[in-house]
Amino acid sequence: MDISKIIYKEEDRYMLQFPFDSQKIELVKQINEALWSHTLKAWLIPATDEAILQFRNLFPSETLPEAGRIPLAETGLDENSSHVPGRISMEIRGRKILLKLPKNDDDLRFIHSIKFSKWNKQTLCWEIPDYYDNATLLKQHFGNRLADCRIKNIVPANQQHGKIARPSLPEYSAETEAQIANLRLWMAHKRYSASSISSYTEAVRIFMGFIFPVKASEMVADDMVRFVNEYIIENKLSYSYQNQVINAMKLFLKEIIHSRLDVAKFERPRREHKLPNVLSKEEVSAILKSAVNPKHNAMLSLIYACGLRRSELLNLVPADVDSKRNLLIIRQSKGKKDRIVPISEKIISLLRRYYAGYRPKKWLFEGQNAGEQYSEQSLQSVLKQSVSKAGIKKPVTLHWLRHSYATHLLEAGTDLRFIQELLGHQSSKTTEIYTHVSTKSLQNIKSPFDDL
C-alpha cells in the first residue's frame, strides 16, 4: 500500500493507493470519514487520532508517514493550460459562479474554504453559489485578476431590447448594507432560526442588487414584477425561491424600511402541487445496508426510523435518546417546536453499538474533531455514496427518507393524525399529501382494461 500525507479541502488527510482488493476496501470503509476520490483514484482518510488508531488496528503492518505533506491541486487543468497565468476566467450560469483557476495552491485553498464549492469534471470549472458574500470574498481575494472578466456572456442592457443585464457581482450602497444588517439583528431579536436569517438576508441582497441604484425607500411594486420576469424566470429559478424573495422583501420593507408601499401587491406564483418522492421498503433497506461505516449507518437509519429532518438529526445530543422509555426527543425544530417520537429496540441497539465505538462528546453525531457538529454537506455525501452502492439511479435526497417513513406508516394503517404529530406538521393538510402516494388503496383498484 502506497501512503502519502496530503492537504485535501483545507484538511490533513492520508491518501491510500493500492491495487483493487475487495477485502482491503471493506476494511478502509470502516475508518471514520474515509472517502474515495475519483480524481486521485485513491482512498482518503482523515489525519485524526481516531482515524489513525482505527487504521493501525485494521492494518498493523502498514506505517503512516509523519511528514512530507503534498499540497493538493485537484483542478483537472494541465500544466500547459492556455489560461493567462494569474488571471481568473469567470462566468455566471444560473445561480452559480463558474471559475477556471491556474494551478496555484493559495487560490485552491481559498476556493476550498468557500462553503458548497465543488469541482465539476464536465465543465472543468469550480462552482460556487452566486451569493453576495461569495462575490465579496472573490473580489477581496482575486482583486484585479477578475477585472477583465467580471461579466462574461452577458449582453449590455442597451443591446437587450430594453432588458437589464444581470450583473455578475452586484453592487450595493453602504445604506443598503446597513439596512440588511438591521434586518439580521431584528430577525435574531425575534428568534428566527439561523437558516431563515441567512435565507432572508441573502434574498434581500440579491433583490436590492438587481434594482441598484434604486433605494429600498424608492422602490415600487413593478420592481418586483421586473425582478420575477428578468431574474427568476430568466434563470429558471423555483416557485419556492420566488415565494422566499417575496416573504423577505415584505418583512424588510415593513419592519426595517417602514415603507408605505402596499406589499400586498406583490403577487405570489400559483401554488405547485407536487407529490413527495417515496422509496420502497426494499430500496430503503438497500441504502441502509450499503452504509457500512457504523456512524453513517446510524445516521441514515435514524432519519428513516423516526422521520427526521436533516437539521433535526444533526442537532441531536446523546441525552435526547431516552432508551428507558424508547423515545427520541427532538428539541426546537421547525417552528421552534419540541416533539417526541418512538424508537424501537432495534434502533436503540444500533445507536448503542455506534456510541460504544465513537464516544461523541457534545453532539450525538460529530465531525472529525471532538465536539464539532457533523456538517450537512457531509451527511448528504454519505447518502449519495450509499445510494450509489445500492445501485439506485433515482436522485435520492435525505428528505426522501422522511417522506418514505410517513408513507410506509400510512400504508401500515397508522392514523393520519398520529403521523402529523410524529412529523411535527402544524397543519393536517401538510400530512394529507401522503395519501396521494400511498399504494395501499390504489392497489385494490381494478382497471376496466383488465375486463376487456
Protein backbone atom coordinates (compact mmCIF):
# COMPACT_ATOMS: atom_id res chain seq x y z
CA MET A 1 0.00 0.00 0.00
CA ASP A 2 1.36 3.43 -1.02
CA ILE A 3 0.52 6.05 1.66
CA SER A 4 1.05 9.82 1.36
CA LYS A 5 0.01 12.73 3.57
CA ILE A 6 -1.82 15.44 1.61
CA ILE A 7 -3.95 18.55 2.08
CA TYR A 8 -7.48 17.94 0.83
CA LYS A 9 -10.04 20.75 1.11
CA GLU A 10 -8.00 22.51 3.79
CA GLU A 11 -7.76 19.32 5.87
CA ASP A 12 -4.84 16.98 6.51
CA ARG A 13 -5.58 13.53 5.10
CA TYR A 14 -3.75 10.32 4.28
CA MET A 15 -4.01 9.14 0.67
CA LEU A 16 -4.11 5.34 0.37
CA GLN A 17 -3.29 3.83 -3.04
CA PHE A 18 -3.31 0.09 -3.72
CA PRO A 19 -4.43 -2.34 -6.47
CA PHE A 20 -8.07 -3.37 -6.31
CA ASP A 21 -8.61 -5.60 -3.29
CA SER A 22 -12.18 -6.05 -2.03
CA GLN A 23 -11.04 -7.10 1.44
CA LYS A 24 -8.82 -4.02 1.88
CA ILE A 25 -11.60 -1.79 0.59
CA GLU A 26 -14.08 -3.13 3.14
CA LEU A 27 -11.53 -2.53 5.91
CA VAL A 28 -10.87 1.06 4.77
CA LYS A 29 -14.61 1.75 4.70
CA GLN A 30 -14.73 1.00 8.45
CA ILE A 31 -12.48 4.02 9.14
CA ASN A 32 -14.43 7.08 10.23
CA GLU A 33 -14.89 9.66 7.39
CA ALA A 34 -12.99 7.54 4.83
CA LEU A 35 -13.86 8.57 1.28
CA TRP A 36 -12.95 7.60 -2.29
CA SER A 37 -11.54 10.27 -4.64
CA HIS A 38 -12.39 9.54 -8.27
CA THR A 39 -9.91 12.20 -9.39
CA LEU A 40 -6.97 10.85 -7.39
CA LYS A 41 -8.07 7.21 -7.79
CA ALA A 42 -7.29 6.72 -4.10
CA TRP A 43 -8.89 6.38 -0.68
CA LEU A 44 -8.58 9.35 1.68
CA ILE A 45 -8.78 9.11 5.47
CA PRO A 46 -8.58 12.00 7.95
CA ALA A 47 -5.31 12.56 9.83
CA THR A 48 -7.11 12.49 13.19
CA ASP A 49 -6.16 10.45 16.26
CA GLU A 50 -9.36 8.42 15.96
CA ALA A 51 -8.84 7.55 12.27
CA ILE A 52 -5.13 6.81 12.79
CA LEU A 53 -5.95 4.43 15.64
CA GLN A 54 -8.60 2.70 13.51
CA PHE A 55 -6.13 2.40 10.60
CA ARG A 56 -3.40 0.88 12.77
CA ASN A 57 -5.82 -1.65 14.24
CA LEU A 58 -7.04 -2.65 10.78
CA PHE A 59 -3.63 -2.55 9.02
CA PRO A 60 -0.98 -3.33 11.70
CA SER A 61 1.72 -4.00 9.09
CA GLU A 62 1.35 -0.58 7.41
CA THR A 63 3.14 2.61 8.54
CA LEU A 64 1.66 6.10 8.29
CA PRO A 65 4.13 8.87 7.28
CA GLU A 66 4.68 11.64 9.80
CA ALA A 67 5.87 14.36 7.42
CA GLY A 68 6.16 15.34 3.79
CA ARG A 69 2.76 16.87 3.09
CA ILE A 70 1.87 17.20 -0.58
CA PRO A 71 -0.23 20.28 -1.47
CA LEU A 72 -3.26 19.08 -3.40
CA ALA A 73 -4.02 20.81 -6.73
CA GLU A 74 -7.09 18.91 -7.86
CA THR A 75 -8.09 21.15 -10.78
CA GLY A 76 -8.06 18.86 -13.77
CA LEU A 77 -6.15 21.55 -15.72
CA ASP A 78 -2.86 20.74 -17.47
CA GLU A 79 0.38 22.47 -16.63
CA ASN A 80 0.27 23.83 -20.19
CA SER A 81 -3.09 25.47 -19.58
CA SER A 82 -3.98 28.13 -22.14
CA HIS A 83 -5.21 30.48 -19.39
CA VAL A 84 -3.12 33.57 -18.73
CA PRO A 85 -1.06 32.96 -15.55
CA GLY A 86 -2.73 34.59 -12.57
CA ARG A 87 -5.89 35.52 -14.49
CA ILE A 88 -9.21 34.06 -13.36
CA SER A 89 -11.72 33.08 -16.03
CA MET A 90 -15.21 33.52 -14.64
CA GLU A 91 -18.82 33.49 -15.78
CA ILE A 92 -22.28 33.39 -14.23
CA ARG A 93 -24.54 30.46 -15.10
CA GLY A 94 -27.91 30.19 -13.37
CA ARG A 95 -27.22 30.80 -9.68
CA LYS A 96 -23.62 29.59 -9.88
CA ILE A 97 -20.30 31.35 -10.36
CA LEU A 98 -18.00 29.26 -12.57
CA LEU A 99 -14.25 29.74 -12.14
CA LYS A 100 -11.24 28.35 -14.01
CA LEU A 101 -8.10 28.68 -11.92
CA PRO A 102 -4.42 28.32 -12.80
CA LYS A 103 -2.55 25.78 -10.66
CA ASN A 104 -1.98 27.88 -7.58
CA ASP A 105 -2.15 26.31 -4.12
CA ASP A 106 -3.20 29.55 -2.40
CA ASP A 107 -6.12 30.03 -4.80
CA LEU A 108 -7.19 26.41 -4.38
CA ARG A 109 -7.11 26.63 -0.59
CA PHE A 110 -9.25 29.76 -0.83
CA ILE A 111 -11.81 28.02 -3.09
CA HIS A 112 -11.88 25.00 -0.74
CA SER A 113 -12.72 27.35 2.14
CA ILE A 114 -15.92 28.58 0.45
CA LYS A 115 -18.95 26.64 1.63
CA PHE A 116 -20.54 24.39 -1.02
CA SER A 117 -17.74 24.93 -3.54
CA LYS A 118 -17.25 21.91 -5.79
CA TRP A 119 -15.26 20.79 -8.82
CA ASN A 120 -17.24 20.00 -11.99
CA LYS A 121 -15.45 17.48 -14.21
CA GLN A 122 -17.69 18.21 -17.20
CA THR A 123 -17.03 21.96 -17.36
CA LEU A 124 -13.54 21.77 -15.78
CA CYS A 125 -14.62 24.64 -13.55
CA TRP A 126 -15.03 25.29 -9.85
CA GLU A 127 -18.65 26.04 -8.99
CA ILE A 128 -19.70 28.20 -6.06
CA PRO A 129 -23.16 29.62 -5.22
CA ASP A 130 -23.80 33.10 -6.62
CA TYR A 131 -24.28 34.74 -3.20
CA TYR A 132 -23.36 38.27 -2.28
CA ASP A 133 -20.99 37.09 0.46
CA ASN A 134 -19.21 34.79 -2.00
CA ALA A 135 -18.95 37.59 -4.57
CA THR A 136 -17.40 39.83 -1.93
CA LEU A 137 -14.88 37.13 -0.99
CA LEU A 138 -13.93 36.68 -4.66
CA LYS A 139 -13.31 40.39 -5.11
CA GLN A 140 -11.25 40.55 -1.93
CA HIS A 141 -9.11 37.52 -2.79
CA PHE A 142 -8.58 37.88 -6.55
CA GLY A 143 -8.75 41.67 -6.85
CA ASN A 144 -7.63 42.95 -10.27
CA ARG A 145 -7.29 39.43 -11.63
CA LEU A 146 -11.07 39.50 -12.12
CA ALA A 147 -11.02 42.95 -13.71
CA ASP A 148 -11.28 41.89 -17.35
CA CYS A 149 -13.80 39.07 -16.86
CA ARG A 150 -16.24 40.24 -14.19
CA ILE A 151 -19.16 39.97 -16.64
CA LYS A 152 -18.95 37.27 -19.28
CA ASN A 153 -21.51 36.06 -21.84
CA ILE A 154 -23.93 38.82 -20.75
CA VAL A 155 -25.11 41.36 -23.32
CA PRO A 156 -25.12 45.05 -22.25
CA ALA A 157 -28.51 46.46 -21.29
CA ASN A 158 -28.75 48.73 -24.35
CA GLN A 159 -28.43 45.66 -26.61
CA GLN A 160 -31.02 43.52 -24.82
CA HIS A 161 -34.16 45.16 -26.22
CA GLY A 162 -34.86 47.03 -23.02
CA LYS A 163 -33.93 44.23 -20.61
CA ILE A 164 -31.50 44.99 -17.84
CA ALA A 165 -28.48 42.67 -17.85
CA ARG A 166 -27.95 40.76 -14.64
CA PRO A 167 -24.67 41.88 -13.03
CA SER A 168 -22.24 39.11 -12.13
CA LEU A 169 -21.10 40.79 -8.91
CA PRO A 170 -23.91 43.21 -7.92
CA GLU A 171 -23.07 46.42 -6.13
CA TYR A 172 -24.74 47.79 -3.03
CA SER A 173 -24.73 51.12 -1.30
CA ALA A 174 -23.46 51.44 2.28
CA GLU A 175 -27.02 52.42 3.23
CA THR A 176 -28.41 49.13 1.87
CA GLU A 177 -25.75 47.13 3.68
CA ALA A 178 -26.64 48.85 6.94
CA GLN A 179 -30.34 48.14 6.38
CA ILE A 180 -29.66 44.47 5.71
CA ALA A 181 -27.56 44.33 8.88
CA ASN A 182 -30.54 45.80 10.77
CA LEU A 183 -32.78 43.11 9.25
CA ARG A 184 -30.41 40.44 10.54
CA LEU A 185 -30.47 41.96 14.05
CA TRP A 186 -34.27 42.30 14.01
CA MET A 187 -34.76 38.69 12.96
CA ALA A 188 -32.29 37.48 15.58
CA HIS A 189 -34.20 39.52 18.20
CA LYS A 190 -37.43 37.80 17.09
CA ARG A 191 -35.68 34.41 17.44
CA TYR A 192 -35.84 33.42 13.78
CA SER A 193 -33.71 30.37 13.01
CA ALA A 194 -30.18 30.84 11.67
CA SER A 195 -31.16 29.31 8.32
CA SER A 196 -34.15 31.67 7.97
CA ILE A 197 -31.99 34.69 8.76
CA SER A 198 -29.41 33.61 6.20
CA SER A 199 -32.04 32.91 3.51
CA TYR A 200 -33.93 36.18 4.03
CA THR A 201 -30.89 38.46 4.13
CA GLU A 202 -29.45 36.75 1.03
CA ALA A 203 -32.77 37.17 -0.82
CA VAL A 204 -32.88 40.88 0.06
CA ARG A 205 -29.27 41.32 -1.10
CA ILE A 206 -30.00 39.74 -4.48
CA PHE A 207 -33.17 41.79 -5.00
CA MET A 208 -31.53 45.08 -3.98
CA GLY A 209 -28.55 44.27 -6.21
CA PHE A 210 -30.97 43.76 -9.11
CA ILE A 211 -32.73 47.13 -8.72
CA PHE A 212 -29.50 49.04 -7.87
CA PRO A 213 -29.12 52.06 -7.77
CA VAL A 214 -32.79 52.33 -6.72
CA LYS A 215 -33.09 52.53 -2.93
CA ALA A 216 -35.49 50.41 -0.90
CA SER A 217 -37.46 53.50 0.09
CA GLU A 218 -37.89 54.40 -3.60
CA MET A 219 -38.96 51.03 -4.99
CA VAL A 220 -42.43 50.38 -6.44
CA ALA A 221 -44.47 47.20 -6.91
CA ASP A 222 -43.42 46.95 -10.56
CA ASP A 223 -39.80 46.41 -9.42
CA MET A 224 -40.87 43.04 -8.06
CA VAL A 225 -42.65 42.19 -11.33
CA ARG A 226 -39.49 43.07 -13.27
CA PHE A 227 -37.33 41.01 -10.88
CA VAL A 228 -39.55 37.95 -11.33
CA ASN A 229 -39.61 38.23 -15.13
CA GLU A 230 -35.98 39.17 -15.74
CA TYR A 231 -34.20 37.32 -12.92
CA ILE A 232 -36.25 34.43 -11.57
CA ILE A 233 -37.90 33.28 -14.81
CA GLU A 234 -34.83 34.04 -16.97
CA ASN A 235 -32.65 31.93 -14.65
CA LYS A 236 -35.30 29.20 -14.30
CA LEU A 237 -35.45 29.51 -10.53
CA SER A 238 -38.10 27.72 -8.49
CA TYR A 239 -41.55 28.76 -7.28
CA SER A 240 -40.38 28.34 -3.70
CA TYR A 241 -37.45 30.71 -4.27
CA GLN A 242 -39.85 33.32 -5.69
CA ASN A 243 -42.00 32.98 -2.56
CA GLN A 244 -38.91 33.29 -0.38
CA VAL A 245 -37.88 36.57 -2.01
CA ILE A 246 -41.40 37.97 -1.64
CA ASN A 247 -41.52 36.99 2.05
CA ALA A 248 -38.10 38.50 2.66
CA MET A 249 -38.89 41.80 0.92
CA LYS A 250 -42.25 42.13 2.70
CA LEU A 251 -40.52 41.76 6.05
CA PHE A 252 -37.67 44.06 5.03
CA LEU A 253 -39.94 46.85 3.76
CA LYS A 254 -42.38 46.65 6.67
CA GLU A 255 -40.08 46.25 9.66
CA ILE A 256 -36.81 47.90 8.58
CA ILE A 257 -37.65 50.46 5.87
CA HIS A 258 -41.18 51.28 7.18
CA SER A 259 -42.17 51.80 3.56
CA ARG A 260 -45.62 52.99 2.57
CA LEU A 261 -45.56 50.61 -0.37
CA ASP A 262 -48.52 48.21 -0.34
CA VAL A 263 -46.64 44.91 -0.16
CA ALA A 264 -49.93 43.07 -0.70
CA LYS A 265 -49.45 43.93 -4.37
CA PHE A 266 -46.52 41.54 -4.55
CA GLU A 267 -48.17 38.72 -6.47
CA ARG A 268 -47.21 35.18 -5.50
CA PRO A 269 -46.84 32.42 -8.08
CA ARG A 270 -49.63 29.89 -8.49
CA ARG A 271 -49.04 27.14 -5.98
CA GLU A 272 -47.38 23.96 -7.19
CA HIS A 273 -48.90 20.64 -6.23
CA LYS A 274 -46.01 18.21 -6.24
CA LEU A 275 -46.17 14.72 -4.81
CA PRO A 276 -43.50 13.69 -2.29
CA ASN A 277 -40.82 11.30 -3.53
CA VAL A 278 -41.12 7.91 -1.86
CA LEU A 279 -38.83 4.89 -1.84
CA SER A 280 -40.00 1.31 -1.43
CA LYS A 281 -39.06 -0.56 1.74
CA GLU A 282 -36.68 -2.69 -0.36
CA GLU A 283 -34.91 0.42 -1.65
CA VAL A 284 -34.60 1.91 1.85
CA SER A 285 -33.19 -1.38 3.13
CA ALA A 286 -30.63 -1.49 0.30
CA ILE A 287 -29.49 2.07 1.05
CA LEU A 288 -29.08 1.43 4.78
CA LYS A 289 -27.20 -1.83 4.20
CA SER A 290 -24.83 -0.01 1.82
CA ALA A 291 -23.77 2.35 4.63
CA VAL A 292 -21.07 0.07 6.06
CA ASN A 293 -19.49 2.69 8.34
CA PRO A 294 -21.24 2.39 11.77
CA LYS A 295 -21.70 6.17 12.11
CA HIS A 296 -23.09 6.54 8.57
CA ASN A 297 -25.44 3.61 9.06
CA ALA A 298 -26.69 5.01 12.37
CA MET A 299 -27.36 8.46 10.89
CA LEU A 300 -29.31 7.26 7.85
CA SER A 301 -31.18 4.63 9.88
CA LEU A 302 -32.28 7.19 12.47
CA ILE A 303 -33.55 9.60 9.79
CA TYR A 304 -35.77 6.87 8.32
CA ALA A 305 -36.71 5.21 11.64
CA CYS A 306 -38.01 8.49 13.10
CA GLY A 307 -38.84 10.57 10.01
CA LEU A 308 -36.30 13.26 10.90
CA ARG A 309 -35.36 16.36 9.01
CA ARG A 310 -31.65 16.79 8.29
CA SER A 311 -31.23 19.60 10.85
CA GLU A 312 -33.12 17.59 13.48
CA LEU A 313 -30.65 14.73 13.20
CA LEU A 314 -27.57 16.97 13.32
CA ASN A 315 -28.86 18.89 16.37
CA LEU A 316 -29.39 15.77 18.49
CA VAL A 317 -27.32 15.27 21.63
CA PRO A 318 -26.83 11.90 23.40
CA ALA A 319 -29.27 12.89 26.19
CA ASP A 320 -32.08 13.18 23.59
CA VAL A 321 -32.17 9.39 23.31
CA ASP A 322 -34.38 8.11 26.15
CA SER A 323 -33.64 4.38 25.98
CA LYS A 324 -35.64 3.58 29.11
CA ARG A 325 -38.89 4.86 27.61
CA ASN A 326 -37.93 4.10 23.98
CA LEU A 327 -38.34 7.74 22.95
CA LEU A 328 -36.36 10.26 20.94
CA ILE A 329 -36.70 13.92 21.99
CA ILE A 330 -36.46 16.46 19.14
CA ARG A 331 -35.90 19.94 20.51
CA GLN A 332 -36.65 23.33 18.96
CA SER A 333 -37.22 22.04 15.43
CA LYS A 334 -39.03 23.87 12.63
CA GLY A 335 -41.34 26.48 14.13
CA LYS A 336 -39.41 26.32 17.44
CA LYS A 337 -41.35 23.24 18.50
CA ASP A 338 -40.30 20.25 20.61
CA ARG A 339 -41.72 16.80 19.94
CA ILE A 340 -41.09 13.19 20.87
CA VAL A 341 -41.13 10.15 18.60
CA PRO A 342 -40.96 6.45 19.50
CA ILE A 343 -37.82 4.45 18.74
CA SER A 344 -37.66 0.66 18.71
CA GLU A 345 -35.22 -1.62 20.48
CA LYS A 346 -33.64 -2.33 17.09
CA ILE A 347 -32.60 1.30 16.54
CA ILE A 348 -31.57 1.68 20.21
CA SER A 349 -29.25 -1.32 19.86
CA LEU A 350 -27.78 0.19 16.69
CA LEU A 351 -27.18 3.52 18.46
CA ARG A 352 -25.55 1.76 21.43
CA ARG A 353 -23.08 -0.01 19.11
CA TYR A 354 -22.30 3.30 17.42
CA TYR A 355 -21.89 5.14 20.73
CA ALA A 356 -19.55 2.48 22.13
CA GLY A 357 -17.26 2.84 19.13
CA TYR A 358 -17.22 6.65 18.77
CA ARG A 359 -17.99 8.14 22.21
CA PRO A 360 -19.26 11.55 21.00
CA LYS A 361 -18.54 14.44 23.38
CA LYS A 362 -21.27 17.01 22.64
CA TRP A 363 -23.42 16.12 19.63
CA LEU A 364 -24.83 12.65 19.02
CA PHE A 365 -23.13 12.72 15.61
CA GLU A 366 -19.89 14.69 15.45
CA GLY A 367 -17.44 15.58 12.69
CA GLN A 368 -13.75 14.81 12.58
CA ASN A 369 -12.96 16.89 15.65
CA ALA A 370 -14.44 16.11 19.07
CA GLY A 371 -17.30 18.44 19.95
CA GLU A 372 -17.71 19.55 16.31
CA GLN A 373 -21.17 19.17 14.80
CA TYR A 374 -21.41 16.90 11.76
CA SER A 375 -21.88 19.01 8.61
CA GLU A 376 -24.96 18.97 6.36
CA GLN A 377 -22.77 18.62 3.28
CA SER A 378 -21.02 15.54 4.69
CA LEU A 379 -24.35 13.95 5.61
CA GLN A 380 -25.64 14.47 2.08
CA SER A 381 -22.42 12.94 0.75
CA VAL A 382 -22.93 9.87 2.98
CA LEU A 383 -26.39 9.34 1.48
CA LYS A 384 -25.11 9.85 -2.07
CA GLN A 385 -22.44 7.19 -1.63
CA SER A 386 -24.92 4.72 -0.10
CA VAL A 387 -27.46 5.27 -2.89
CA SER A 388 -24.73 4.68 -5.48
CA LYS A 389 -23.56 1.48 -3.78
CA ALA A 390 -27.16 0.24 -3.59
CA GLY A 391 -27.45 0.60 -7.37
CA ILE A 392 -30.37 3.04 -7.15
CA LYS A 393 -30.48 5.51 -10.05
CA LYS A 394 -33.05 7.90 -8.56
CA PRO A 395 -31.87 11.38 -7.38
CA VAL A 396 -32.47 10.47 -3.72
CA THR A 397 -32.16 13.18 -1.06
CA LEU A 398 -32.30 12.92 2.73
CA HIS A 399 -35.88 14.22 2.73
CA TRP A 400 -36.93 11.21 0.64
CA LEU A 401 -36.27 9.05 3.72
CA ARG A 402 -38.63 11.22 5.77
CA HIS A 403 -41.30 11.02 3.03
CA SER A 404 -40.84 7.23 2.86
CA TYR A 405 -41.21 6.92 6.65
CA ALA A 406 -44.55 8.76 6.60
CA THR A 407 -45.88 6.85 3.59
CA HIS A 408 -44.89 3.46 4.98
CA LEU A 409 -46.59 4.31 8.29
CA LEU A 410 -49.77 5.24 6.43
CA GLU A 411 -49.69 2.02 4.41
CA ALA A 412 -49.27 0.06 7.66
CA GLY A 413 -52.55 1.53 8.94
CA THR A 414 -51.25 4.32 11.23
CA ASP A 415 -53.80 7.08 11.75
CA LEU A 416 -53.05 10.28 9.84
CA ARG A 417 -53.36 12.36 13.00
CA PHE A 418 -50.56 10.37 14.68
CA ILE A 419 -48.37 10.73 11.60
CA GLN A 420 -48.90 14.51 11.75
CA GLU A 421 -47.65 14.54 15.36
CA LEU A 422 -44.66 12.32 14.57
CA LEU A 423 -43.55 14.53 11.67
CA GLY A 424 -44.13 17.78 13.56
CA HIS A 425 -46.53 19.22 10.98
CA GLN A 426 -48.51 22.24 12.14
CA SER A 427 -51.35 21.61 9.68
CA SER A 428 -53.03 18.30 8.89
CA LYS A 429 -53.19 19.41 5.24
CA THR A 430 -49.43 19.04 5.03
CA THR A 431 -49.66 15.44 6.20
CA GLU A 432 -52.59 14.59 3.92
CA ILE A 433 -50.33 14.77 0.87
CA TYR A 434 -49.04 11.30 1.75
CA THR A 435 -52.46 9.83 1.00
CA HIS A 436 -51.77 10.61 -2.67
CA VAL A 437 -48.65 8.42 -2.82
CA SER A 438 -49.77 5.56 -0.60
CA THR A 439 -50.28 2.39 -2.63
CA LYS A 440 -52.45 0.67 -0.01
CA SER A 441 -55.78 1.74 -1.55
CA LEU A 442 -54.57 2.16 -5.12
CA GLN A 443 -53.52 -1.48 -5.38
CA ASN A 444 -57.11 -2.57 -4.65
CA ILE A 445 -58.45 -0.64 -7.66
CA LYS A 446 -59.05 -2.79 -10.71
CA SER A 447 -58.71 -1.16 -14.12
CA PRO A 448 -61.61 -1.76 -16.57
CA PHE A 449 -58.89 -2.63 -19.09
CA ASP A 450 -58.42 -5.94 -17.25
CA ASP A 451 -62.02 -6.94 -18.08
CA LEU A 452 -61.63 -6.48 -21.82
